[in-house]
Amino acid sequence: MAHTVLNNFSTRRIVTVLGGAALVAASFTACTSTTPADGEDRLQSLRDAGTITVGVAGEAPYSFEENGELTGATIALHKRIFGNLGIDTVEGVNADFGALIPGLQANRFDVVSAGMSILPQRCEQAAFGDPEFNYTTALMVPAGNPAGLTDMQSVADSGLRLATMTGAIESDYAQALGIASTQVASPQDGMDAVTSGRADVFALTAISLNWMKTNNPDAPVDVTESFVATIDGEPQVGAGATVFRTDDTELLAAYNEELAKITSDEDEYLSVVGEFGFTAEELPDPSLTTAILCEG
């Protein structure tokens, strides 16, 4: 499988250039998703309502709340793309990561906005848009990395206590490698597990862990270099995307068309997601398609 190894996370802040329709409102809401009228597709019903409700899991820097506002890289993409589609407001519903696809199926929200990894078992339950971010994994460890951990295999060999986020791909890695992991509901819970001594290491995407370290400079933790996990000799290269219901084909197609205008232009891509710590290294690899990832 073609893949890109991502390195050298940059914490530099890049000014977001958003214009026109990109400057749309975002907030948290208890609303459910928009239900199309008889004979109307969901895209048109969302345009008529002027609002789309997205499911989020509070994982920075993808989609999270800051000072009472919904923000993050996936939210920035959604503001730009849905604004271009004539949907002016993005509202969020919080859920545990593992409850996002069930919540989508139960019509709690219209799409999932969490940078969710495209995995075969998830593709059986919902429809993924085109890749928005390439992923690698990293480990959050006590300051100084006393055990010298470098990747998931080193965790397996060490016998140390691992924490992973419920529903996240790192939990699957742990299971495949025979590592008993403590499940946590959020990235903050994972960092707290390490700082409190309830876990020795927390595995998550490199971009998330570096964001947490940068924004919690006093926390006594370090983040390892990013790596591509290897399971049964195969590199587990991943990508994240927006998640749709399987029958929302017109909405999905329209979204992908607008997304391609962003991901095909590095400067445009960074103007939307750069302020959240994403760099050209996270720009999706065109050869790593949703169809390939859904096939495993």
C-alpha atoms as a PDB file:
ATOM      1  CA  MET A   1       0.000   0.000   0.000  1.00  0.00           C
ATOM      2  CA  ALA A   2       1.358   3.444  -0.855  1.00  0.00           C
ATOM      3  CA  HIS A   3       1.955   5.529   2.187  1.00  0.00           C
ATOM      4  CA  THR A   4       3.519   8.673   3.519  1.00  0.00           C
ATOM      5  CA  VAL A   5       5.522   8.752   6.735  1.00  0.00           C
ATOM      6  CA  LEU A   6       4.860  11.971   8.627  1.00  0.00           C
ATOM      7  CA  ASN A   7       7.578  13.569  10.706  1.00  0.00           C
ATOM      8  CA  ASN A   8       8.684  16.748  12.453  1.00  0.00           C
ATOM      9  CA  PHE A   9       5.449  18.089  13.864  1.00  0.00           C
ATOM     10  CA  SER A  10       5.494  21.844  13.723  1.00  0.00           C
ATOM     11  CA  THR A  11       3.858  23.920  16.422  1.00  0.00           C
ATOM     12  CA  ARG A  12       4.287  27.150  14.536  1.00  0.00           C
ATOM     13  CA  ARG A  13       1.071  29.070  14.126  1.00  0.00           C
ATOM     14  CA  ILE A  14       0.032  29.904  10.587  1.00  0.00           C
ATOM     15  CA  VAL A  15      -2.510  32.680  10.186  1.00  0.00           C
ATOM     16  CA  THR A  16      -5.766  31.330   8.858  1.00  0.00           C
ATOM     17  CA  VAL A  17      -7.037  33.153   5.802  1.00  0.00           C
ATOM     18  CA  LEU A  18     -10.780  32.739   5.721  1.00  0.00           C
ATOM     19  CA  GLY A  19     -13.037  34.831   3.593  1.00  0.00           C
ATOM     20  CA  GLY A  20     -16.651  35.252   2.664  1.00  0.00           C
ATOM     21  CA  ALA A  21     -18.642  32.119   3.247  1.00  0.00           C
ATOM     22  CA  ALA A  22     -15.880  30.640   5.387  1.00  0.00           C
ATOM     23  CA  LEU A  23     -16.707  33.006   8.239  1.00  0.00           C
ATOM     24  CA  VAL A  24     -19.746  31.098   9.429  1.00  0.00           C
ATOM     25  CA  ALA A  25     -21.041  30.704  12.942  1.00  0.00           C
ATOM     26  CA  ALA A  26     -20.172  27.648  15.009  1.00  0.00           C
ATOM     27  CA  SER A  27     -21.674  26.621  18.332  1.00  0.00           C
ATOM     28  CA  PHE A  28     -22.712  23.661  20.444  1.00  0.00           C
ATOM     29  CA  THR A  29     -26.316  22.564  20.325  1.00  0.00           C
ATOM     30  CA  ALA A  30     -28.646  19.855  21.556  1.00  0.00           C
ATOM     31  CA  CYS A  31     -30.393  19.684  18.190  1.00  0.00           C
ATOM     32  CA  THR A  32     -30.721  16.534  16.144  1.00  0.00           C
ATOM     33  CA  SER A  33     -29.882  16.280  12.471  1.00  0.00           C
ATOM     34  CA  THR A  34     -31.911  17.849   9.696  1.00  0.00           C
ATOM     35  CA  THR A  35     -34.563  15.506   8.303  1.00  0.00           C
ATOM     36  CA  PRO A  36     -35.324  15.906   4.596  1.00  0.00           C
ATOM     37  CA  ALA A  37     -38.916  16.502   3.556  1.00  0.00           C
ATOM     38  CA  ASP A  38     -40.596  13.929   1.328  1.00  0.00           C
ATOM     39  CA  GLY A  39     -38.842  13.828  -2.050  1.00  0.00           C
ATOM     40  CA  GLU A  40     -36.056  16.161  -0.862  1.00  0.00           C
ATOM     41  CA  ASP A  41     -32.403  15.174  -0.498  1.00  0.00           C
ATOM     42  CA  ARG A  42     -30.477  16.020   2.658  1.00  0.00           C
ATOM     43  CA  LEU A  43     -28.229  18.552   0.922  1.00  0.00           C
ATOM     44  CA  GLN A  44     -31.194  20.631  -0.138  1.00  0.00           C
ATOM     45  CA  SER A  45     -32.839  20.318   3.273  1.00  0.00           C
ATOM     46  CA  LEU A  46     -29.635  21.545   4.919  1.00  0.00           C
ATOM     47  CA  ARG A  47     -29.474  24.487   2.515  1.00  0.00           C
ATOM     48  CA  ASP A  48     -33.060  25.327   3.335  1.00  0.00           C
ATOM     49  CA  ALA A  49     -32.351  25.135   7.072  1.00  0.00           C
ATOM     50  CA  GLY A  50     -29.073  27.035   6.713  1.00  0.00           C
ATOM     51  CA  THR A  51     -27.544  24.905   9.475  1.00  0.00           C
ATOM     52  CA  ILE A  52     -25.651  21.616   9.699  1.00  0.00           C
ATOM     53  CA  THR A  53     -25.152  19.725  12.956  1.00  0.00           C
ATOM     54  CA  VAL A  54     -21.837  17.899  13.343  1.00  0.00           C
ATOM     55  CA  GLY A  55     -20.837  15.253  15.871  1.00  0.00           C
ATOM     56  CA  VAL A  56     -17.588  16.010  17.712  1.00  0.00           C
ATOM     57  CA  ALA A  57     -15.577  14.192  20.377  1.00  0.00           C
ATOM     58  CA  GLY A  58     -13.659  17.057  21.941  1.00  0.00           C
ATOM     59  CA  GLU A  59     -10.298  15.993  20.498  1.00  0.00           C
ATOM     60  CA  ALA A  60      -7.971  18.913  19.843  1.00  0.00           C
ATOM     61  CA  PRO A  61      -6.886  20.012  17.349  1.00  0.00           C
ATOM     62  CA  TYR A  62      -9.576  18.344  15.196  1.00  0.00           C
ATOM     63  CA  SER A  63     -12.852  19.495  16.778  1.00  0.00           C
ATOM     64  CA  PHE A  64     -13.185  20.878  20.291  1.00  0.00           C
ATOM     65  CA  GLU A  65     -14.591  23.690  22.399  1.00  0.00           C
ATOM     66  CA  GLU A  66     -12.454  26.692  23.310  1.00  0.00           C
ATOM     67  CA  ASN A  67     -13.833  29.644  25.248  1.00  0.00           C
ATOM     68  CA  GLY A  68     -17.339  28.396  24.551  1.00  0.00           C
ATOM     69  CA  GLU A  69     -16.797  28.236  20.791  1.00  0.00           C
ATOM     70  CA  LEU A  70     -16.630  25.217  18.505  1.00  0.00           C
ATOM     71  CA  THR A  71     -13.247  25.179  16.784  1.00  0.00           C
ATOM     72  CA  GLY A  72     -10.547  22.934  15.329  1.00  0.00           C
ATOM     73  CA  ALA A  73      -9.150  21.851  11.978  1.00  0.00           C
ATOM     74  CA  THR A  74     -12.150  19.783  10.912  1.00  0.00           C
ATOM     75  CA  ILE A  75     -14.494  22.556  11.998  1.00  0.00           C
ATOM     76  CA  ALA A  76     -12.496  25.057   9.929  1.00  0.00           C
ATOM     77  CA  LEU A  77     -12.824  22.750   6.913  1.00  0.00           C
ATOM     78  CA  HIS A  78     -16.533  22.393   7.532  1.00  0.00           C
ATOM     79  CA  LYS A  79     -17.100  26.107   7.860  1.00  0.00           C
ATOM     80  CA  ARG A  80     -15.369  26.656   4.533  1.00  0.00           C
ATOM     81  CA  ILE A  81     -16.924  23.725   2.649  1.00  0.00           C
ATOM     82  CA  PHE A  82     -20.470  23.856   3.957  1.00  0.00           C
ATOM     83  CA  GLY A  83     -20.427  27.642   3.626  1.00  0.00           C
ATOM     84  CA  ASN A  84     -19.558  27.190  -0.045  1.00  0.00           C
ATOM     85  CA  LEU A  85     -22.480  24.762  -0.319  1.00  0.00           C
ATOM     86  CA  GLY A  86     -24.913  27.361   1.003  1.00  0.00           C
ATOM     87  CA  ILE A  87     -25.088  26.143   4.600  1.00  0.00           C
ATOM     88  CA  ASP A  88     -24.097  29.102   6.727  1.00  0.00           C
ATOM     89  CA  THR A  89     -24.039  27.724  10.295  1.00  0.00           C
ATOM     90  CA  VAL A  90     -22.136  24.794  11.800  1.00  0.00           C
ATOM     91  CA  GLU A  91     -23.417  23.524  15.157  1.00  0.00           C
ATOM     92  CA  GLY A  92     -21.848  20.770  17.259  1.00  0.00           C
ATOM     93  CA  VAL A  93     -23.053  17.881  19.400  1.00  0.00           C
ATOM     94  CA  ASN A  94     -20.536  16.357  21.818  1.00  0.00           C
ATOM     95  CA  ALA A  95     -20.216  12.567  22.095  1.00  0.00           C
ATOM     96  CA  ASP A  96     -17.607  10.063  23.175  1.00  0.00           C
ATOM     97  CA  PHE A  97     -15.471   9.087  20.196  1.00  0.00           C
ATOM     98  CA  GLY A  98     -16.808   5.535  20.170  1.00  0.00           C
ATOM     99  CA  ALA A  99     -20.396   6.836  20.080  1.00  0.00           C
ATOM    100  CA  LEU A 100     -19.989   9.058  17.017  1.00  0.00           C
ATOM    101  CA  ILE A 101     -21.023   6.595  14.300  1.00  0.00           C
ATOM    102  CA  PRO A 102     -23.933   5.227  16.383  1.00  0.00           C
ATOM    103  CA  GLY A 103     -24.999   8.827  16.982  1.00  0.00           C
ATOM    104  CA  LEU A 104     -24.861   9.531  13.254  1.00  0.00           C
ATOM    105  CA  GLN A 105     -26.971   6.457  12.556  1.00  0.00           C
ATOM    106  CA  ALA A 106     -29.448   7.578  15.225  1.00  0.00           C
ATOM    107  CA  ASN A 107     -29.804  11.013  13.576  1.00  0.00           C
ATOM    108  CA  ARG A 108     -28.256  12.913  16.473  1.00  0.00           C
ATOM    109  CA  PHE A 109     -26.235  14.896  13.918  1.00  0.00           C
ATOM    110  CA  ASP A 110     -25.817  15.192  10.153  1.00  0.00           C
ATOM    111  CA  VAL A 111     -22.110  14.289   9.819  1.00  0.00           C
ATOM    112  CA  VAL A 112     -19.199  13.343  12.063  1.00  0.00           C
ATOM    113  CA  SER A 113     -16.560  16.074  12.366  1.00  0.00           C
ATOM    114  CA  ALA A 114     -13.726  14.406  14.273  1.00  0.00           C
ATOM    115  CA  GLY A 115     -10.982  13.563  11.784  1.00  0.00           C
ATOM    116  CA  MET A 116     -12.009   9.914  12.136  1.00  0.00           C
ATOM    117  CA  SER A 117      -9.656   7.318  10.678  1.00  0.00           C
ATOM    118  CA  ILE A 118     -10.997   5.481   7.636  1.00  0.00           C
ATOM    119  CA  LEU A 119     -11.148   1.807   8.634  1.00  0.00           C
ATOM    120  CA  PRO A 120     -12.843  -1.184   6.956  1.00  0.00           C
ATOM    121  CA  GLN A 121     -15.144  -1.921   9.893  1.00  0.00           C
ATOM    122  CA  ARG A 122     -16.255   1.700  10.014  1.00  0.00           C
ATOM    123  CA  CYS A 123     -16.857   1.755   6.257  1.00  0.00           C
ATOM    124  CA  GLU A 124     -19.405  -1.021   6.794  1.00  0.00           C
ATOM    125  CA  GLN A 125     -21.407   1.288   9.045  1.00  0.00           C
ATOM    126  CA  ALA A 126     -21.130   4.682   7.376  1.00  0.00           C
ATOM    127  CA  ALA A 127     -19.802   6.518   4.307  1.00  0.00           C
ATOM    128  CA  PHE A 128     -16.472   8.350   4.516  1.00  0.00           C
ATOM    129  CA  GLY A 129     -15.578  11.404   2.499  1.00  0.00           C
ATOM    130  CA  ASP A 130     -12.232  11.758   0.797  1.00  0.00           C
ATOM    131  CA  PRO A 131      -9.171  11.918   3.101  1.00  0.00           C
ATOM    132  CA  GLU A 132      -8.566  15.236   4.835  1.00  0.00           C
ATOM    133  CA  PHE A 133      -5.468  14.426   6.938  1.00  0.00           C
ATOM    134  CA  ASN A 134      -2.709  11.830   6.848  1.00  0.00           C
ATOM    135  CA  TYR A 135      -1.993  10.313  10.254  1.00  0.00           C
ATOM    136  CA  THR A 136       0.835   8.896  12.278  1.00  0.00           C
ATOM    137  CA  THR A 137       0.879   7.752  15.904  1.00  0.00           C
ATOM    138  CA  ALA A 138       2.931   8.945  18.874  1.00  0.00           C
ATOM    139  CA  LEU A 139       3.233   8.134  22.569  1.00  0.00           C
ATOM    140  CA  MET A 140       2.769  10.465  25.526  1.00  0.00           C
ATOM    141  CA  VAL A 141       5.136   9.385  28.305  1.00  0.00           C
ATOM    142  CA  PRO A 142       6.423  10.762  31.620  1.00  0.00           C
ATOM    143  CA  ALA A 143       8.961  13.553  31.192  1.00  0.00           C
ATOM    144  CA  GLY A 144      12.273  12.196  30.001  1.00  0.00           C
ATOM    145  CA  ASN A 145      10.696   9.032  28.572  1.00  0.00           C
ATOM    146  CA  PRO A 146      12.340   6.867  31.270  1.00  0.00           C
ATOM    147  CA  ALA A 147      11.440   3.583  29.526  1.00  0.00           C
ATOM    148  CA  GLY A 148      12.806   4.739  26.174  1.00  0.00           C
ATOM    149  CA  LEU A 149       9.577   3.943  24.327  1.00  0.00           C
ATOM    150  CA  THR A 150       9.566   4.529  20.569  1.00  0.00           C
ATOM    151  CA  ASP A 151       6.539   2.761  19.063  1.00  0.00           C
ATOM    152  CA  MET A 152       3.676   0.357  19.803  1.00  0.00           C
ATOM    153  CA  GLN A 153       5.958  -2.690  19.667  1.00  0.00           C
ATOM    154  CA  SER A 154       8.218  -1.149  22.288  1.00  0.00           C
ATOM    155  CA  VAL A 155       5.163  -0.756  24.524  1.00  0.00           C
ATOM    156  CA  ALA A 156       4.272  -4.413  23.979  1.00  0.00           C
ATOM    157  CA  ASP A 157       7.840  -5.476  24.832  1.00  0.00           C
ATOM    158  CA  SER A 158       7.997  -3.278  27.937  1.00  0.00           C
ATOM    159  CA  GLY A 159       4.928  -4.625  29.713  1.00  0.00           C
ATOM    160  CA  LEU A 160       4.068  -1.081  30.789  1.00  0.00           C
ATOM    161  CA  ARG A 161       0.502   0.098  31.343  1.00  0.00           C
ATOM    162  CA  LEU A 162      -0.990   1.628  28.203  1.00  0.00           C
ATOM    163  CA  ALA A 163      -3.948   3.988  27.878  1.00  0.00           C
ATOM    164  CA  THR A 164      -5.811   4.419  24.579  1.00  0.00           C
ATOM    165  CA  MET A 165      -8.950   6.321  23.637  1.00  0.00           C
ATOM    166  CA  THR A 166     -12.171   4.351  23.266  1.00  0.00           C
ATOM    167  CA  GLY A 167     -12.935   3.776  19.595  1.00  0.00           C
ATOM    168  CA  ALA A 168      -9.601   5.171  18.397  1.00  0.00           C
ATOM    169  CA  ILE A 169      -7.313   3.265  16.024  1.00  0.00           C
ATOM    170  CA  GLU A 170      -4.618   2.998  18.703  1.00  0.00           C
ATOM    171  CA  SER A 171      -6.948   0.727  20.681  1.00  0.00           C
ATOM    172  CA  ASP A 172      -7.024  -1.589  17.667  1.00  0.00           C
ATOM    173  CA  TYR A 173      -3.241  -1.514  17.435  1.00  0.00           C
ATOM    174  CA  ALA A 174      -2.993  -2.478  21.095  1.00  0.00           C
ATOM    175  CA  GLN A 175      -5.402  -5.375  20.680  1.00  0.00           C
ATOM    176  CA  ALA A 176      -3.570  -6.657  17.608  1.00  0.00           C
ATOM    177  CA  LEU A 177      -0.272  -6.586  19.520  1.00  0.00           C
ATOM    178  CA  GLY A 178      -1.727  -8.262  22.601  1.00  0.00           C
ATOM    179  CA  ILE A 179      -1.400  -5.179  24.797  1.00  0.00           C
ATOM    180  CA  ALA A 180      -4.009  -4.795  27.527  1.00  0.00           C
ATOM    181  CA  SER A 181      -4.953  -1.123  27.431  1.00  0.00           C
ATOM    182  CA  THR A 182      -6.990   1.080  29.718  1.00  0.00           C
ATOM    183  CA  GLN A 183      -9.710   2.833  27.738  1.00  0.00           C
ATOM    184  CA  VAL A 184     -10.188   6.569  28.269  1.00  0.00           C
ATOM    185  CA  ALA A 185     -12.937   8.802  26.933  1.00  0.00           C
ATOM    186  CA  SER A 186     -10.853  11.778  25.823  1.00  0.00           C
ATOM    187  CA  PRO A 187      -7.286  12.945  25.150  1.00  0.00           C
ATOM    188  CA  GLN A 188      -7.348  14.904  28.424  1.00  0.00           C
ATOM    189  CA  ASP A 189      -8.238  11.707  30.292  1.00  0.00           C
ATOM    190  CA  GLY A 190      -5.259   9.999  28.641  1.00  0.00           C
ATOM    191  CA  MET A 191      -2.834  12.710  29.688  1.00  0.00           C
ATOM    192  CA  ASP A 192      -4.295  12.685  33.197  1.00  0.00           C
ATOM    193  CA  ALA A 193      -3.749   8.922  33.359  1.00  0.00           C
ATOM    194  CA  VAL A 194      -0.040   9.413  32.617  1.00  0.00           C
ATOM    195  CA  THR A 195       0.482  12.378  34.947  1.00  0.00           C
ATOM    196  CA  SER A 196      -1.348  10.646  37.817  1.00  0.00           C
ATOM    197  CA  GLY A 197       0.576   7.404  37.366  1.00  0.00           C
ATOM    198  CA  ARG A 198      -2.502   5.358  36.459  1.00  0.00           C
ATOM    199  CA  ALA A 199      -0.878   4.626  33.094  1.00  0.00           C
ATOM    200  CA  ASP A 200       2.717   4.652  31.918  1.00  0.00           C
ATOM    201  CA  VAL A 201       2.024   5.682  28.338  1.00  0.00           C
ATOM    202  CA  PHE A 202      -0.841   7.079  26.268  1.00  0.00           C
ATOM    203  CA  ALA A 203      -1.043   6.356  22.526  1.00  0.00           C
ATOM    204  CA  LEU A 204      -2.878   8.659  20.116  1.00  0.00           C
ATOM    205  CA  THR A 205      -2.291  10.485  16.840  1.00  0.00           C
ATOM    206  CA  ALA A 206       0.921  12.509  16.858  1.00  0.00           C
ATOM    207  CA  ILE A 207      -0.862  15.734  15.937  1.00  0.00           C
ATOM    208  CA  SER A 208      -3.212  15.420  18.947  1.00  0.00           C
ATOM    209  CA  LEU A 209      -0.488  14.606  21.473  1.00  0.00           C
ATOM    210  CA  ASN A 210       1.793  17.391  20.274  1.00  0.00           C
ATOM    211  CA  TRP A 211      -1.100  19.849  20.448  1.00  0.00           C
ATOM    212  CA  MET A 212      -1.781  18.788  24.041  1.00  0.00           C
ATOM    213  CA  LYS A 213       1.867  19.075  25.037  1.00  0.00           C
ATOM    214  CA  THR A 214       2.187  22.504  23.433  1.00  0.00           C
ATOM    215  CA  ASN A 215      -0.960  23.758  25.164  1.00  0.00           C
ATOM    216  CA  ASN A 216      -0.070  22.211  28.544  1.00  0.00           C
ATOM    217  CA  PRO A 217       3.597  23.266  28.869  1.00  0.00           C
ATOM    218  CA  ASP A 218       3.707  22.606  32.613  1.00  0.00           C
ATOM    219  CA  ALA A 219       2.499  19.010  32.359  1.00  0.00           C
ATOM    220  CA  PRO A 220       5.353  16.586  33.260  1.00  0.00           C
ATOM    221  CA  VAL A 221       5.086  14.652  30.005  1.00  0.00           C
ATOM    222  CA  ASP A 222       6.917  14.252  26.724  1.00  0.00           C
ATOM    223  CA  VAL A 223       5.741  13.097  23.309  1.00  0.00           C
ATOM    224  CA  THR A 224       7.816  10.665  21.257  1.00  0.00           C
ATOM    225  CA  GLU A 225       8.674  11.124  17.610  1.00  0.00           C
ATOM    226  CA  SER A 226       5.778  10.149  15.374  1.00  0.00           C
ATOM    227  CA  PHE A 227       5.762   6.707  13.788  1.00  0.00           C
ATOM    228  CA  VAL A 228       3.717   4.478  11.514  1.00  0.00           C
ATOM    229  CA  ALA A 229       2.529   1.483  13.519  1.00  0.00           C
ATOM    230  CA  THR A 230       3.339  -1.929  12.066  1.00  0.00           C
ATOM    231  CA  ILE A 231       0.944  -4.851  12.548  1.00  0.00           C
ATOM    232  CA  ASP A 232       1.821  -8.296  11.169  1.00  0.00           C
ATOM    233  CA  GLY A 233       4.561  -6.703   9.102  1.00  0.00           C
ATOM    234  CA  GLU A 234       2.214  -4.200   7.466  1.00  0.00           C
ATOM    235  CA  PRO A 235       2.558  -0.421   7.998  1.00  0.00           C
ATOM    236  CA  GLN A 236      -0.728   0.965   9.288  1.00  0.00           C
ATOM    237  CA  VAL A 237      -0.830   4.169   7.306  1.00  0.00           C
ATOM    238  CA  GLY A 238      -4.002   6.073   8.028  1.00  0.00           C
ATOM    239  CA  ALA A 239      -6.070   9.043   6.980  1.00  0.00           C
ATOM    240  CA  GLY A 240      -8.987  10.835   8.559  1.00  0.00           C
ATOM    241  CA  ALA A 241     -12.181  12.069   6.944  1.00  0.00           C
ATOM    242  CA  THR A 242     -15.679  13.376   7.532  1.00  0.00           C
ATOM    243  CA  VAL A 243     -18.304  10.667   8.034  1.00  0.00           C
ATOM    244  CA  PHE A 244     -21.738  10.627   6.380  1.00  0.00           C
ATOM    245  CA  ARG A 245     -24.764   8.337   6.399  1.00  0.00           C
ATOM    246  CA  THR A 246     -24.605   5.774   3.629  1.00  0.00           C
ATOM    247  CA  ASP A 247     -27.726   7.160   1.927  1.00  0.00           C
ATOM    248  CA  ASP A 248     -26.545  10.804   1.862  1.00  0.00           C
ATOM    249  CA  THR A 249     -24.839  10.318  -1.497  1.00  0.00           C
ATOM    250  CA  GLU A 250     -25.544  13.763  -2.934  1.00  0.00           C
ATOM    251  CA  LEU A 251     -24.301  15.528   0.192  1.00  0.00           C
ATOM    252  CA  LEU A 252     -21.158  13.373   0.181  1.00  0.00           C
ATOM    253  CA  ALA A 253     -20.435  14.042  -3.499  1.00  0.00           C
ATOM    254  CA  ALA A 254     -20.910  17.797  -3.094  1.00  0.00           C
ATOM    255  CA  TYR A 255     -18.654  17.805  -0.029  1.00  0.00           C
ATOM    256  CA  ASN A 256     -15.889  15.892  -1.812  1.00  0.00           C
ATOM    257  CA  GLU A 257     -16.003  18.290  -4.747  1.00  0.00           C
ATOM    258  CA  GLU A 258     -15.425  21.276  -2.461  1.00  0.00           C
ATOM    259  CA  LEU A 259     -12.819  19.424  -0.392  1.00  0.00           C
ATOM    260  CA  ALA A 260     -10.764  18.672  -3.519  1.00  0.00           C
ATOM    261  CA  LYS A 261     -10.439  22.410  -4.175  1.00  0.00           C
ATOM    262  CA  ILE A 262      -8.683  22.710  -0.811  1.00  0.00           C
ATOM    263  CA  THR A 263      -6.559  19.561  -0.677  1.00  0.00           C
ATOM    264  CA  SER A 264      -5.297  20.029  -4.246  1.00  0.00           C
ATOM    265  CA  ASP A 265      -3.665  23.339  -3.265  1.00  0.00           C
ATOM    266  CA  GLU A 266      -1.114  23.262  -0.437  1.00  0.00           C
ATOM    267  CA  ASP A 267      -1.399  26.979   0.285  1.00  0.00           C
ATOM    268  CA  GLU A 268      -5.185  26.772   0.383  1.00  0.00           C
ATOM    269  CA  TYR A 269      -5.023  23.739   2.665  1.00  0.00           C
ATOM    270  CA  LEU A 270      -2.696  25.469   5.110  1.00  0.00           C
ATOM    271  CA  SER A 271      -4.816  28.618   5.066  1.00  0.00           C
ATOM    272  CA  VAL A 272      -7.672  26.552   6.523  1.00  0.00           C
ATOM    273  CA  VAL A 273      -5.962  24.116   8.925  1.00  0.00           C
ATOM    274  CA  GLY A 274      -2.502  25.600   9.483  1.00  0.00           C
ATOM    275  CA  GLU A 275      -3.390  27.544  12.618  1.00  0.00           C
ATOM    276  CA  PHE A 276      -4.194  24.243  14.338  1.00  0.00           C
ATOM    277  CA  GLY A 277      -0.658  22.906  13.944  1.00  0.00           C
ATOM    278  CA  PHE A 278      -1.191  21.023  10.684  1.00  0.00           C
ATOM    279  CA  THR A 279       1.541  21.269   8.066  1.00  0.00           C
ATOM    280  CA  ALA A 280       2.091  20.089   4.514  1.00  0.00           C
ATOM    281  CA  GLU A 281       3.109  16.733   6.051  1.00  0.00           C
ATOM    282  CA  GLU A 282      -0.550  16.130   6.955  1.00  0.00           C
ATOM    283  CA  LEU A 283      -1.780  16.962   3.440  1.00  0.00           C
ATOM    284  CA  PRO A 284      -3.544  13.818   2.144  1.00  0.00           C
ATOM    285  CA  ASP A 285      -1.538  11.501  -0.091  1.00  0.00           C
ATOM    286  CA  PRO A 286      -3.557  11.352  -3.365  1.00  0.00           C
ATOM    287  CA  SER A 287      -2.671   7.677  -3.781  1.00  0.00           C
ATOM    288  CA  LEU A 288      -4.190   6.796  -0.405  1.00  0.00           C
ATOM    289  CA  THR A 289      -7.878   6.892  -1.317  1.00  0.00           C
ATOM    290  CA  THR A 290     -10.973   6.198   0.755  1.00  0.00           C
ATOM    291  CA  ALA A 291     -11.663   3.122  -1.362  1.00  0.00           C
ATOM    292  CA  ILE A 292      -8.212   1.688  -0.617  1.00  0.00           C
ATOM    293  CA  LEU A 293      -8.512   2.407   3.105  1.00  0.00           C
ATOM    294  CA  CYS A 294     -11.999   0.901   3.272  1.00  0.00           C
ATOM    295  CA  GLU A 295     -10.639  -2.273   1.702  1.00  0.00           C
ATOM    296  CA  GLY A 296      -7.933  -2.433   4.353  1.00  0.00           C
END
